[in-house]
Amino acid sequence: MVDVTNQPVEELGLLARWRYVLRTTNPPAGKVDVVSKWLVLTRAAVLPMTITAGAIAGLLAVHQRGFEWGWYLLALLGIVLAHAANNLMNDLFDLEVGLDTVEYPRGLYAPHPVLSGMISRKGLGVAALVVNIADLGILVALTAARGWPVIAFAVSGFLLSAAYTAPPLRLKKRGLGEPDVLVVWGPLMVGGTYYSAVGHLPWQVIAASLPYGLLCTAVLMGKHVDKLPWDETEGIRTLPVILGEVRARRATQWLMAAFYATVVIDVAVGALPWPSLVAVAAIPAARQAWRALGQPKPDTPPADFPIWPLWFAAFAFLHTRRAGALLVLGLIVAAIADITPF
């Protein structure tokens, strides 16, 4: 396994090894240090999606009445820990119901925590419990500062995230996993973090949360299109299984297009500041993802492609990272210039 530096991964320093995990979701070759192991177990490569949602909330809140940096940063830490705990629980629940096996994509594009031998089943459960307990402490502190709505946001997010894979609901199995992600990464994360930061929640914040929620949903749609042959066999009726591959790929394309439409609408109605329009500079990345989604997945991956059999998910993720970063950049400019849309 070779890093982009052409230097063997096992010869890299710690920081380079951690970057490798964050880039590929896979551990570096050779002995795995504690931090790299934790990054793999929690699937830290996708945690920036949550950090971006939190950044959007903070930048919308920073000039609003009642904003407190301490409560905002605590809320940001809370949603990142919640995402990490959710990743741990998803692996545990899918293992318990017999979905995750050595032949299922979860164990092919990255090591499954238990099936790969990185941690025991009990250890995975303990890790999830510890992270959830830490998050509970944050919930108590934020509730004391901001009141009961913090509980509503946190509990709703926890229940929807757990129900994504946990029996008896298993929303992923019923075509409800994708709407689940839209709600969690949109109104719940952005709205909940904003409320924790300022103590109130105008409707514009919910509207402003939708563009990024659509991007995160597109990533999950791409991932479920990649997993469609396995999910169909296992009776996991994700939205792509219900729609069929061609229509699911088209729906993913339109989710990405909807991001740009909702950004423009949000600016027009005063939910996002006008510098947010810089997000349209991500259109070249959208075109690349759109082209990939416009045709079937190749039979074999390109050389050194680290997360096969995921394919469409990679293009959707790269687009989400670029578009999300540009949206945050626009909000940073607005915050520096004190341009507040509401």
C-alpha atoms as a PDB file:
ATOM      1  CA  MET A   1       0.000   0.000   0.000  1.00  0.00           C
ATOM      2  CA  VAL A   2       1.598   3.243  -1.126  1.00  0.00           C
ATOM      3  CA  ASP A   3       0.759   6.805  -0.181  1.00  0.00           C
ATOM      4  CA  VAL A   4       0.576   9.637  -2.738  1.00  0.00           C
ATOM      5  CA  THR A   5       4.088  10.625  -1.716  1.00  0.00           C
ATOM      6  CA  ASN A   6       5.317   7.319  -3.226  1.00  0.00           C
ATOM      7  CA  GLN A   7       6.845   6.560   0.138  1.00  0.00           C
ATOM      8  CA  PRO A   8       5.777   3.256   1.732  1.00  0.00           C
ATOM      9  CA  VAL A   9       3.023   3.988   4.239  1.00  0.00           C
ATOM     10  CA  GLU A  10       4.750   1.997   6.975  1.00  0.00           C
ATOM     11  CA  GLU A  11       7.722   4.394   6.746  1.00  0.00           C
ATOM     12  CA  LEU A  12       5.644   7.539   7.205  1.00  0.00           C
ATOM     13  CA  GLY A  13       5.522   9.567  10.419  1.00  0.00           C
ATOM     14  CA  LEU A  14       2.517   9.600  12.707  1.00  0.00           C
ATOM     15  CA  LEU A  15       0.891  12.687  11.192  1.00  0.00           C
ATOM     16  CA  ALA A  16       1.226  11.286   7.684  1.00  0.00           C
ATOM     17  CA  ARG A  17      -0.256   7.975   8.838  1.00  0.00           C
ATOM     18  CA  TRP A  18      -3.227   9.772  10.402  1.00  0.00           C
ATOM     19  CA  ARG A  19      -3.730  11.764   7.205  1.00  0.00           C
ATOM     20  CA  TYR A  20      -3.680   8.493   5.294  1.00  0.00           C
ATOM     21  CA  VAL A  21      -6.504   7.108   7.445  1.00  0.00           C
ATOM     22  CA  LEU A  22      -8.505  10.307   7.057  1.00  0.00           C
ATOM     23  CA  ARG A  23      -8.045  10.203   3.287  1.00  0.00           C
ATOM     24  CA  THR A  24      -8.772   6.524   2.674  1.00  0.00           C
ATOM     25  CA  THR A  25     -10.703   5.243   5.763  1.00  0.00           C
ATOM     26  CA  ASN A  26      -8.127   2.425   5.852  1.00  0.00           C
ATOM     27  CA  PRO A  27      -5.311   1.851   8.360  1.00  0.00           C
ATOM     28  CA  PRO A  28      -1.718   2.265   7.182  1.00  0.00           C
ATOM     29  CA  ALA A  29       0.332  -0.851   6.574  1.00  0.00           C
ATOM     30  CA  GLY A  30       2.288  -2.303   9.466  1.00  0.00           C
ATOM     31  CA  LYS A  31       1.636  -1.784  13.161  1.00  0.00           C
ATOM     32  CA  VAL A  32      -1.368   0.474  13.766  1.00  0.00           C
ATOM     33  CA  ASP A  33      -0.933   3.111  16.462  1.00  0.00           C
ATOM     34  CA  VAL A  34      -3.741   3.934  18.908  1.00  0.00           C
ATOM     35  CA  VAL A  35      -4.842   7.135  17.168  1.00  0.00           C
ATOM     36  CA  SER A  36      -4.927   5.527  13.717  1.00  0.00           C
ATOM     37  CA  LYS A  37      -6.944   2.648  15.146  1.00  0.00           C
ATOM     38  CA  TRP A  38      -9.459   5.018  16.712  1.00  0.00           C
ATOM     39  CA  LEU A  39      -9.743   6.982  13.464  1.00  0.00           C
ATOM     40  CA  VAL A  40     -10.514   3.755  11.603  1.00  0.00           C
ATOM     41  CA  LEU A  41     -13.005   2.500  14.207  1.00  0.00           C
ATOM     42  CA  THR A  42     -14.986   5.735  14.221  1.00  0.00           C
ATOM     43  CA  ARG A  43     -14.706   6.194  10.434  1.00  0.00           C
ATOM     44  CA  ALA A  44     -13.205   9.603  11.101  1.00  0.00           C
ATOM     45  CA  ALA A  45     -12.749  10.214   7.373  1.00  0.00           C
ATOM     46  CA  VAL A  46     -16.436  11.202   7.181  1.00  0.00           C
ATOM     47  CA  LEU A  47     -16.550  13.265  10.388  1.00  0.00           C
ATOM     48  CA  PRO A  48     -15.692  16.472   8.453  1.00  0.00           C
ATOM     49  CA  MET A  49     -19.246  16.291   7.109  1.00  0.00           C
ATOM     50  CA  THR A  50     -20.467  16.936  10.644  1.00  0.00           C
ATOM     51  CA  ILE A  51     -17.800  19.547  11.342  1.00  0.00           C
ATOM     52  CA  THR A  52     -18.998  21.416   8.244  1.00  0.00           C
ATOM     53  CA  ALA A  53     -22.615  21.322   9.464  1.00  0.00           C
ATOM     54  CA  GLY A  54     -21.458  22.715  12.803  1.00  0.00           C
ATOM     55  CA  ALA A  55     -19.389  25.415  11.088  1.00  0.00           C
ATOM     56  CA  ILE A  56     -22.433  26.523   9.077  1.00  0.00           C
ATOM     57  CA  ALA A  57     -24.414  26.850  12.297  1.00  0.00           C
ATOM     58  CA  GLY A  58     -21.683  28.785  14.087  1.00  0.00           C
ATOM     59  CA  LEU A  59     -21.091  31.215  11.244  1.00  0.00           C
ATOM     60  CA  LEU A  60     -24.803  31.954  11.001  1.00  0.00           C
ATOM     61  CA  ALA A  61     -24.938  32.478  14.761  1.00  0.00           C
ATOM     62  CA  VAL A  62     -21.754  34.432  15.443  1.00  0.00           C
ATOM     63  CA  HIS A  63     -23.293  37.924  15.155  1.00  0.00           C
ATOM     64  CA  GLN A  64     -26.690  37.029  16.594  1.00  0.00           C
ATOM     65  CA  ARG A  65     -28.054  38.094  19.951  1.00  0.00           C
ATOM     66  CA  GLY A  66     -27.001  35.751  22.747  1.00  0.00           C
ATOM     67  CA  PHE A  67     -24.108  34.078  20.932  1.00  0.00           C
ATOM     68  CA  GLU A  68     -21.595  32.431  23.287  1.00  0.00           C
ATOM     69  CA  TRP A  69     -18.400  30.881  21.937  1.00  0.00           C
ATOM     70  CA  GLY A  70     -18.157  28.393  24.790  1.00  0.00           C
ATOM     71  CA  TRP A  71     -21.607  26.902  24.281  1.00  0.00           C
ATOM     72  CA  TYR A  72     -21.144  26.865  20.520  1.00  0.00           C
ATOM     73  CA  LEU A  73     -17.842  24.959  20.704  1.00  0.00           C
ATOM     74  CA  LEU A  74     -19.320  22.528  23.214  1.00  0.00           C
ATOM     75  CA  ALA A  75     -22.263  21.889  20.893  1.00  0.00           C
ATOM     76  CA  LEU A  76     -19.869  21.392  17.963  1.00  0.00           C
ATOM     77  CA  LEU A  77     -17.929  18.813  19.977  1.00  0.00           C
ATOM     78  CA  GLY A  78     -21.239  17.183  20.883  1.00  0.00           C
ATOM     79  CA  ILE A  79     -22.375  16.614  17.303  1.00  0.00           C
ATOM     80  CA  VAL A  80     -18.944  15.290  16.274  1.00  0.00           C
ATOM     81  CA  LEU A  81     -19.001  12.806  19.177  1.00  0.00           C
ATOM     82  CA  ALA A  82     -22.585  11.895  18.270  1.00  0.00           C
ATOM     83  CA  HIS A  83     -21.493  11.097  14.699  1.00  0.00           C
ATOM     84  CA  ALA A  84     -18.565   8.998  15.951  1.00  0.00           C
ATOM     85  CA  ALA A  85     -20.839   7.119  18.364  1.00  0.00           C
ATOM     86  CA  ASN A  86     -23.351   6.559  15.575  1.00  0.00           C
ATOM     87  CA  ASN A  87     -20.665   5.037  13.335  1.00  0.00           C
ATOM     88  CA  LEU A  88     -19.657   2.668  16.146  1.00  0.00           C
ATOM     89  CA  MET A  89     -23.279   1.711  16.847  1.00  0.00           C
ATOM     90  CA  ASN A  90     -24.074   1.168  13.172  1.00  0.00           C
ATOM     91  CA  ASP A  91     -21.252  -1.347  12.890  1.00  0.00           C
ATOM     92  CA  LEU A  92     -22.417  -3.051  16.070  1.00  0.00           C
ATOM     93  CA  PHE A  93     -26.096  -3.239  15.072  1.00  0.00           C
ATOM     94  CA  ASP A  94     -25.408  -4.394  11.497  1.00  0.00           C
ATOM     95  CA  LEU A  95     -23.149  -7.104  12.902  1.00  0.00           C
ATOM     96  CA  GLU A  96     -25.781  -8.187  15.415  1.00  0.00           C
ATOM     97  CA  VAL A  97     -28.488  -8.618  12.762  1.00  0.00           C
ATOM     98  CA  GLY A  98     -26.090 -10.548  10.507  1.00  0.00           C
ATOM     99  CA  LEU A  99     -25.848  -7.965   7.717  1.00  0.00           C
ATOM    100  CA  ASP A 100     -22.145  -7.187   8.030  1.00  0.00           C
ATOM    101  CA  THR A 101     -20.057 -10.125   6.803  1.00  0.00           C
ATOM    102  CA  VAL A 102     -16.667 -10.474   5.148  1.00  0.00           C
ATOM    103  CA  GLU A 103     -18.429 -10.423   1.747  1.00  0.00           C
ATOM    104  CA  TYR A 104     -20.570  -7.322   2.435  1.00  0.00           C
ATOM    105  CA  PRO A 105     -19.178  -3.958   1.213  1.00  0.00           C
ATOM    106  CA  ARG A 106     -18.709  -2.598   4.756  1.00  0.00           C
ATOM    107  CA  GLY A 107     -15.836  -5.047   5.214  1.00  0.00           C
ATOM    108  CA  LEU A 108     -14.455  -4.519   1.711  1.00  0.00           C
ATOM    109  CA  TYR A 109     -13.886  -0.773   1.397  1.00  0.00           C
ATOM    110  CA  ALA A 110     -12.493  -0.505   4.949  1.00  0.00           C
ATOM    111  CA  PRO A 111     -11.836  -2.920   7.819  1.00  0.00           C
ATOM    112  CA  HIS A 112     -14.911  -3.817   9.839  1.00  0.00           C
ATOM    113  CA  PRO A 113     -13.956  -3.204  13.497  1.00  0.00           C
ATOM    114  CA  VAL A 114     -14.918  -6.690  14.703  1.00  0.00           C
ATOM    115  CA  LEU A 115     -14.618  -8.836  11.579  1.00  0.00           C
ATOM    116  CA  SER A 116     -11.124  -7.509  10.924  1.00  0.00           C
ATOM    117  CA  GLY A 117     -10.034  -8.316  14.473  1.00  0.00           C
ATOM    118  CA  MET A 118      -9.259  -4.685  15.364  1.00  0.00           C
ATOM    119  CA  ILE A 119     -11.577  -4.867  18.385  1.00  0.00           C
ATOM    120  CA  SER A 120     -13.900  -7.384  20.006  1.00  0.00           C
ATOM    121  CA  ARG A 121     -17.680  -7.159  19.823  1.00  0.00           C
ATOM    122  CA  LYS A 122     -17.746  -6.275  23.512  1.00  0.00           C
ATOM    123  CA  GLY A 123     -15.007  -3.710  23.041  1.00  0.00           C
ATOM    124  CA  LEU A 124     -16.959  -2.059  20.224  1.00  0.00           C
ATOM    125  CA  GLY A 125     -20.017  -1.849  22.449  1.00  0.00           C
ATOM    126  CA  VAL A 126     -17.984  -0.352  25.293  1.00  0.00           C
ATOM    127  CA  ALA A 127     -16.437   2.216  22.935  1.00  0.00           C
ATOM    128  CA  ALA A 128     -19.877   3.291  21.718  1.00  0.00           C
ATOM    129  CA  LEU A 129     -21.119   3.507  25.306  1.00  0.00           C
ATOM    130  CA  VAL A 130     -18.168   5.641  26.433  1.00  0.00           C
ATOM    131  CA  VAL A 131     -18.623   8.122  23.581  1.00  0.00           C
ATOM    132  CA  ASN A 132     -22.362   8.320  24.241  1.00  0.00           C
ATOM    133  CA  ILE A 133     -21.764   8.953  27.940  1.00  0.00           C
ATOM    134  CA  ALA A 134     -19.375  11.790  27.072  1.00  0.00           C
ATOM    135  CA  ASP A 135     -22.049  13.210  24.782  1.00  0.00           C
ATOM    136  CA  LEU A 136     -24.609  12.906  27.560  1.00  0.00           C
ATOM    137  CA  GLY A 137     -22.397  15.074  29.762  1.00  0.00           C
ATOM    138  CA  ILE A 138     -22.349  17.724  27.038  1.00  0.00           C
ATOM    139  CA  LEU A 139     -26.140  17.479  26.754  1.00  0.00           C
ATOM    140  CA  VAL A 140     -26.556  18.093  30.489  1.00  0.00           C
ATOM    141  CA  ALA A 141     -24.300  21.168  30.368  1.00  0.00           C
ATOM    142  CA  LEU A 142     -26.016  22.662  27.315  1.00  0.00           C
ATOM    143  CA  THR A 143     -29.472  21.977  28.723  1.00  0.00           C
ATOM    144  CA  ALA A 144     -28.549  23.764  31.945  1.00  0.00           C
ATOM    145  CA  ALA A 145     -27.413  26.749  29.889  1.00  0.00           C
ATOM    146  CA  ARG A 146     -30.031  26.845  27.114  1.00  0.00           C
ATOM    147  CA  GLY A 147     -33.037  24.869  28.322  1.00  0.00           C
ATOM    148  CA  TRP A 148     -35.123  21.882  27.271  1.00  0.00           C
ATOM    149  CA  PRO A 149     -35.015  22.453  23.451  1.00  0.00           C
ATOM    150  CA  VAL A 150     -31.427  21.150  23.549  1.00  0.00           C
ATOM    151  CA  ILE A 151     -32.829  17.829  24.792  1.00  0.00           C
ATOM    152  CA  ALA A 152     -35.354  17.767  21.949  1.00  0.00           C
ATOM    153  CA  PHE A 153     -32.633  18.238  19.334  1.00  0.00           C
ATOM    154  CA  ALA A 154     -30.225  15.755  20.939  1.00  0.00           C
ATOM    155  CA  VAL A 155     -32.760  13.003  21.632  1.00  0.00           C
ATOM    156  CA  SER A 156     -34.309  13.333  18.161  1.00  0.00           C
ATOM    157  CA  GLY A 157     -30.871  13.063  16.578  1.00  0.00           C
ATOM    158  CA  PHE A 158     -29.910  10.077  18.720  1.00  0.00           C
ATOM    159  CA  LEU A 159     -33.143   8.189  18.043  1.00  0.00           C
ATOM    160  CA  LEU A 160     -33.027   8.795  14.294  1.00  0.00           C
ATOM    161  CA  SER A 161     -29.344   7.878  14.104  1.00  0.00           C
ATOM    162  CA  ALA A 162     -29.764   4.704  16.163  1.00  0.00           C
ATOM    163  CA  ALA A 163     -32.936   3.697  14.311  1.00  0.00           C
ATOM    164  CA  TYR A 164     -31.023   3.903  11.035  1.00  0.00           C
ATOM    165  CA  THR A 165     -29.624   0.401  11.656  1.00  0.00           C
ATOM    166  CA  ALA A 166     -31.001  -0.739  15.034  1.00  0.00           C
ATOM    167  CA  PRO A 167     -33.956  -3.123  15.326  1.00  0.00           C
ATOM    168  CA  PRO A 168     -36.894  -2.943  15.284  1.00  0.00           C
ATOM    169  CA  LEU A 169     -37.156   0.082  12.968  1.00  0.00           C
ATOM    170  CA  ARG A 170     -33.968  -0.297  10.883  1.00  0.00           C
ATOM    171  CA  LEU A 171     -34.880   2.746   8.762  1.00  0.00           C
ATOM    172  CA  LYS A 172     -32.187   1.863   6.229  1.00  0.00           C
ATOM    173  CA  LYS A 173     -34.054  -1.353   5.458  1.00  0.00           C
ATOM    174  CA  ARG A 174     -37.312   0.494   4.749  1.00  0.00           C
ATOM    175  CA  GLY A 175     -36.217   3.212   2.342  1.00  0.00           C
ATOM    176  CA  LEU A 176     -36.152   5.799   5.133  1.00  0.00           C
ATOM    177  CA  GLY A 177     -32.406   6.008   5.747  1.00  0.00           C
ATOM    178  CA  GLU A 178     -31.887   8.717   3.143  1.00  0.00           C
ATOM    179  CA  PRO A 179     -34.616  11.076   4.504  1.00  0.00           C
ATOM    180  CA  ASP A 180     -33.166  10.335   7.960  1.00  0.00           C
ATOM    181  CA  VAL A 181     -29.794  11.760   6.885  1.00  0.00           C
ATOM    182  CA  LEU A 182     -31.421  14.860   5.375  1.00  0.00           C
ATOM    183  CA  VAL A 183     -33.162  15.624   8.671  1.00  0.00           C
ATOM    184  CA  VAL A 184     -30.164  14.831  10.906  1.00  0.00           C
ATOM    185  CA  TRP A 185     -27.411  16.615   8.934  1.00  0.00           C
ATOM    186  CA  GLY A 186     -29.741  19.481   8.065  1.00  0.00           C
ATOM    187  CA  PRO A 187     -32.242  20.850  10.607  1.00  0.00           C
ATOM    188  CA  LEU A 188     -31.155  18.791  13.620  1.00  0.00           C
ATOM    189  CA  MET A 189     -27.393  19.346  13.462  1.00  0.00           C
ATOM    190  CA  VAL A 190     -27.387  22.895  12.109  1.00  0.00           C
ATOM    191  CA  GLY A 191     -30.504  23.967  13.988  1.00  0.00           C
ATOM    192  CA  GLY A 192     -29.480  22.306  17.237  1.00  0.00           C
ATOM    193  CA  THR A 193     -25.961  23.740  17.182  1.00  0.00           C
ATOM    194  CA  TYR A 194     -27.281  27.209  16.336  1.00  0.00           C
ATOM    195  CA  TYR A 195     -29.805  27.056  19.174  1.00  0.00           C
ATOM    196  CA  SER A 196     -27.139  25.917  21.628  1.00  0.00           C
ATOM    197  CA  ALA A 197     -24.953  28.842  20.578  1.00  0.00           C
ATOM    198  CA  VAL A 198     -27.560  31.611  20.921  1.00  0.00           C
ATOM    199  CA  GLY A 199     -30.607  30.244  22.778  1.00  0.00           C
ATOM    200  CA  HIS A 200     -33.195  30.863  20.058  1.00  0.00           C
ATOM    201  CA  LEU A 201     -33.913  29.528  16.570  1.00  0.00           C
ATOM    202  CA  PRO A 202     -35.384  31.593  13.699  1.00  0.00           C
ATOM    203  CA  TRP A 203     -36.987  29.810  10.758  1.00  0.00           C
ATOM    204  CA  GLN A 204     -34.228  31.054   8.454  1.00  0.00           C
ATOM    205  CA  VAL A 205     -31.716  28.704  10.122  1.00  0.00           C
ATOM    206  CA  ILE A 206     -33.830  25.671   9.272  1.00  0.00           C
ATOM    207  CA  ALA A 207     -34.047  26.885   5.666  1.00  0.00           C
ATOM    208  CA  ALA A 208     -30.286  27.527   5.613  1.00  0.00           C
ATOM    209  CA  SER A 209     -29.624  23.981   6.842  1.00  0.00           C
ATOM    210  CA  LEU A 210     -31.309  22.311   3.870  1.00  0.00           C
ATOM    211  CA  PRO A 211     -28.631  22.805   1.174  1.00  0.00           C
ATOM    212  CA  TYR A 212     -25.966  21.005   3.185  1.00  0.00           C
ATOM    213  CA  GLY A 213     -28.440  18.345   4.277  1.00  0.00           C
ATOM    214  CA  LEU A 214     -29.088  17.634   0.593  1.00  0.00           C
ATOM    215  CA  LEU A 215     -25.357  17.220  -0.043  1.00  0.00           C
ATOM    216  CA  CYS A 216     -25.009  14.673   2.780  1.00  0.00           C
ATOM    217  CA  THR A 217     -28.047  12.803   1.494  1.00  0.00           C
ATOM    218  CA  ALA A 218     -26.442  12.624  -1.965  1.00  0.00           C
ATOM    219  CA  VAL A 219     -23.385  10.951  -0.424  1.00  0.00           C
ATOM    220  CA  LEU A 220     -25.545   8.294   1.226  1.00  0.00           C
ATOM    221  CA  MET A 221     -27.512   7.785  -1.992  1.00  0.00           C
ATOM    222  CA  GLY A 222     -24.268   7.234  -3.889  1.00  0.00           C
ATOM    223  CA  LYS A 223     -23.114   4.762  -1.260  1.00  0.00           C
ATOM    224  CA  HIS A 224     -26.392   2.860  -1.406  1.00  0.00           C
ATOM    225  CA  VAL A 225     -26.240   2.725  -5.205  1.00  0.00           C
ATOM    226  CA  ASP A 226     -22.787   1.161  -4.828  1.00  0.00           C
ATOM    227  CA  LYS A 227     -24.182  -1.389  -2.371  1.00  0.00           C
ATOM    228  CA  LEU A 228     -27.376  -2.067  -4.315  1.00  0.00           C
ATOM    229  CA  PRO A 229     -26.493  -5.606  -5.536  1.00  0.00           C
ATOM    230  CA  TRP A 230     -25.722  -6.745  -1.979  1.00  0.00           C
ATOM    231  CA  ASP A 231     -28.633  -4.913  -0.338  1.00  0.00           C
ATOM    232  CA  GLU A 232     -31.127  -6.263  -2.863  1.00  0.00           C
ATOM    233  CA  THR A 233     -29.994  -9.816  -2.126  1.00  0.00           C
ATOM    234  CA  GLU A 234     -30.219  -9.248   1.649  1.00  0.00           C
ATOM    235  CA  GLY A 235     -33.671  -7.649   1.470  1.00  0.00           C
ATOM    236  CA  ILE A 236     -32.326  -4.249   2.580  1.00  0.00           C
ATOM    237  CA  ARG A 237     -34.725  -1.913   0.789  1.00  0.00           C
ATOM    238  CA  THR A 238     -32.714   1.270   0.634  1.00  0.00           C
ATOM    239  CA  LEU A 239     -34.097   3.989  -1.611  1.00  0.00           C
ATOM    240  CA  PRO A 240     -31.810   2.902  -4.506  1.00  0.00           C
ATOM    241  CA  VAL A 241     -33.114  -0.663  -4.171  1.00  0.00           C
ATOM    242  CA  ILE A 242     -36.684   0.647  -4.336  1.00  0.00           C
ATOM    243  CA  LEU A 243     -35.983   3.003  -7.256  1.00  0.00           C
ATOM    244  CA  GLY A 244     -33.634   0.763  -9.199  1.00  0.00           C
ATOM    245  CA  GLU A 245     -30.070   1.671 -10.141  1.00  0.00           C
ATOM    246  CA  VAL A 246     -30.686   4.003 -13.073  1.00  0.00           C
ATOM    247  CA  ARG A 247     -33.364   6.078 -11.357  1.00  0.00           C
ATOM    248  CA  ALA A 248     -31.342   6.119  -8.131  1.00  0.00           C
ATOM    249  CA  ARG A 249     -28.297   7.474  -9.949  1.00  0.00           C
ATOM    250  CA  ARG A 250     -30.484  10.139 -11.535  1.00  0.00           C
ATOM    251  CA  ALA A 251     -32.017  11.018  -8.151  1.00  0.00           C
ATOM    252  CA  THR A 252     -28.513  11.449  -6.711  1.00  0.00           C
ATOM    253  CA  GLN A 253     -27.644  13.820  -9.537  1.00  0.00           C
ATOM    254  CA  TRP A 254     -30.718  15.911  -8.801  1.00  0.00           C
ATOM    255  CA  LEU A 255     -29.946  16.000  -5.093  1.00  0.00           C
ATOM    256  CA  MET A 256     -26.612  17.621  -5.951  1.00  0.00           C
ATOM    257  CA  ALA A 257     -28.309  20.058  -8.320  1.00  0.00           C
ATOM    258  CA  ALA A 258     -30.855  20.886  -5.606  1.00  0.00           C
ATOM    259  CA  PHE A 259     -27.999  22.096  -3.392  1.00  0.00           C
ATOM    260  CA  TYR A 260     -27.307  24.996  -5.757  1.00  0.00           C
ATOM    261  CA  ALA A 261     -31.000  25.789  -6.197  1.00  0.00           C
ATOM    262  CA  THR A 262     -31.617  25.913  -2.449  1.00  0.00           C
ATOM    263  CA  VAL A 263     -28.547  28.094  -1.832  1.00  0.00           C
ATOM    264  CA  VAL A 264     -29.896  30.633  -4.352  1.00  0.00           C
ATOM    265  CA  ILE A 265     -33.393  30.451  -2.833  1.00  0.00           C
ATOM    266  CA  ASP A 266     -32.002  30.853   0.685  1.00  0.00           C
ATOM    267  CA  VAL A 267     -30.103  33.963  -0.364  1.00  0.00           C
ATOM    268  CA  ALA A 268     -33.240  35.329  -2.037  1.00  0.00           C
ATOM    269  CA  VAL A 269     -35.414  34.839   1.072  1.00  0.00           C
ATOM    270  CA  GLY A 270     -32.773  36.093   3.499  1.00  0.00           C
ATOM    271  CA  ALA A 271     -31.809  32.771   5.077  1.00  0.00           C
ATOM    272  CA  LEU A 272     -28.200  32.870   3.803  1.00  0.00           C
ATOM    273  CA  PRO A 273     -25.994  35.924   3.235  1.00  0.00           C
ATOM    274  CA  TRP A 274     -25.187  36.763  -0.380  1.00  0.00           C
ATOM    275  CA  PRO A 275     -21.471  35.729  -0.121  1.00  0.00           C
ATOM    276  CA  SER A 276     -22.791  32.156   0.214  1.00  0.00           C
ATOM    277  CA  LEU A 277     -23.231  32.229  -3.550  1.00  0.00           C
ATOM    278  CA  VAL A 278     -19.512  31.451  -3.833  1.00  0.00           C
ATOM    279  CA  ALA A 279     -20.651  27.841  -3.404  1.00  0.00           C
ATOM    280  CA  VAL A 280     -21.521  27.802  -7.111  1.00  0.00           C
ATOM    281  CA  ALA A 281     -17.759  27.590  -7.733  1.00  0.00           C
ATOM    282  CA  ALA A 282     -18.138  23.886  -6.847  1.00  0.00           C
ATOM    283  CA  ILE A 283     -20.058  23.268 -10.079  1.00  0.00           C
ATOM    284  CA  PRO A 284     -16.997  21.747 -11.832  1.00  0.00           C
ATOM    285  CA  ALA A 285     -16.855  19.094  -9.085  1.00  0.00           C
ATOM    286  CA  ALA A 286     -20.599  18.629  -9.508  1.00  0.00           C
ATOM    287  CA  ARG A 287     -20.149  18.066 -13.232  1.00  0.00           C
ATOM    288  CA  GLN A 288     -17.506  15.415 -12.561  1.00  0.00           C
ATOM    289  CA  ALA A 289     -19.802  13.614 -10.107  1.00  0.00           C
ATOM    290  CA  TRP A 290     -22.764  14.056 -12.481  1.00  0.00           C
ATOM    291  CA  ARG A 291     -20.814  12.384 -15.300  1.00  0.00           C
ATOM    292  CA  ALA A 292     -19.811   9.466 -13.068  1.00  0.00           C
ATOM    293  CA  LEU A 293     -23.424   8.984 -11.964  1.00  0.00           C
ATOM    294  CA  GLY A 294     -24.575   9.127 -15.561  1.00  0.00           C
ATOM    295  CA  GLN A 295     -23.114   5.736 -16.379  1.00  0.00           C
ATOM    296  CA  PRO A 296     -22.786   2.337 -14.661  1.00  0.00           C
ATOM    297  CA  LYS A 297     -19.959   1.630 -12.252  1.00  0.00           C
ATOM    298  CA  PRO A 298     -16.870   0.163 -13.952  1.00  0.00           C
ATOM    299  CA  ASP A 299     -16.215  -3.539 -13.512  1.00  0.00           C
ATOM    300  CA  THR A 300     -12.833  -2.917 -11.897  1.00  0.00           C
ATOM    301  CA  PRO A 301     -11.456   0.031  -9.932  1.00  0.00           C
ATOM    302  CA  PRO A 302      -8.666   2.326 -11.136  1.00  0.00           C
ATOM    303  CA  ALA A 303      -5.204   1.676  -9.762  1.00  0.00           C
ATOM    304  CA  ASP A 304      -4.744   2.555  -6.086  1.00  0.00           C
ATOM    305  CA  PHE A 305      -8.464   3.262  -5.590  1.00  0.00           C
ATOM    306  CA  PRO A 306      -8.730   2.776  -1.791  1.00  0.00           C
ATOM    307  CA  ILE A 307     -12.454   2.304  -1.076  1.00  0.00           C
ATOM    308  CA  TRP A 308     -13.684  -0.134  -3.741  1.00  0.00           C
ATOM    309  CA  PRO A 309     -16.438  -1.368  -4.156  1.00  0.00           C
ATOM    310  CA  LEU A 310     -17.647   2.156  -3.350  1.00  0.00           C
ATOM    311  CA  TRP A 311     -17.543   4.285  -6.489  1.00  0.00           C
ATOM    312  CA  PHE A 312     -20.444   6.712  -6.777  1.00  0.00           C
ATOM    313  CA  ALA A 313     -20.102   7.523  -3.078  1.00  0.00           C
ATOM    314  CA  ALA A 314     -16.540   8.734  -3.664  1.00  0.00           C
ATOM    315  CA  PHE A 315     -17.611  11.236  -6.338  1.00  0.00           C
ATOM    316  CA  ALA A 316     -20.562  12.427  -4.250  1.00  0.00           C
ATOM    317  CA  PHE A 317     -18.309  12.804  -1.198  1.00  0.00           C
ATOM    318  CA  LEU A 318     -15.694  14.823  -3.089  1.00  0.00           C
ATOM    319  CA  HIS A 319     -18.415  17.117  -4.404  1.00  0.00           C
ATOM    320  CA  THR A 320     -19.897  17.504  -0.916  1.00  0.00           C
ATOM    321  CA  ARG A 321     -16.485  18.342   0.517  1.00  0.00           C
ATOM    322  CA  ARG A 322     -15.835  20.992  -2.161  1.00  0.00           C
ATOM    323  CA  ALA A 323     -19.323  22.525  -2.113  1.00  0.00           C
ATOM    324  CA  GLY A 324     -19.528  22.460   1.680  1.00  0.00           C
ATOM    325  CA  ALA A 325     -16.119  24.107   2.024  1.00  0.00           C
ATOM    326  CA  LEU A 326     -17.083  26.879  -0.397  1.00  0.00           C
ATOM    327  CA  LEU A 327     -20.366  27.460   1.426  1.00  0.00           C
ATOM    328  CA  VAL A 328     -18.417  27.794   4.670  1.00  0.00           C
ATOM    329  CA  LEU A 329     -15.971  30.158   2.948  1.00  0.00           C
ATOM    330  CA  GLY A 330     -18.851  32.378   1.882  1.00  0.00           C
ATOM    331  CA  LEU A 331     -20.198  32.393   5.430  1.00  0.00           C
ATOM    332  CA  ILE A 332     -16.738  33.274   6.781  1.00  0.00           C
ATOM    333  CA  VAL A 333     -16.597  36.265   4.424  1.00  0.00           C
ATOM    334  CA  ALA A 334     -20.093  37.286   5.543  1.00  0.00           C
ATOM    335  CA  ALA A 335     -19.135  36.933   9.204  1.00  0.00           C
ATOM    336  CA  ILE A 336     -15.968  39.031   8.799  1.00  0.00           C
ATOM    337  CA  ALA A 337     -17.907  41.721   6.906  1.00  0.00           C
ATOM    338  CA  ASP A 338     -20.811  41.488   9.388  1.00  0.00           C
ATOM    339  CA  ILE A 339     -23.272  40.662   6.602  1.00  0.00           C
ATOM    340  CA  THR A 340     -26.236  39.114   8.410  1.00  0.00           C
ATOM    341  CA  PRO A 341     -29.183  37.877   6.331  1.00  0.00           C
ATOM    342  CA  PHE A 342     -31.696  37.955   9.212  1.00  0.00           C
END
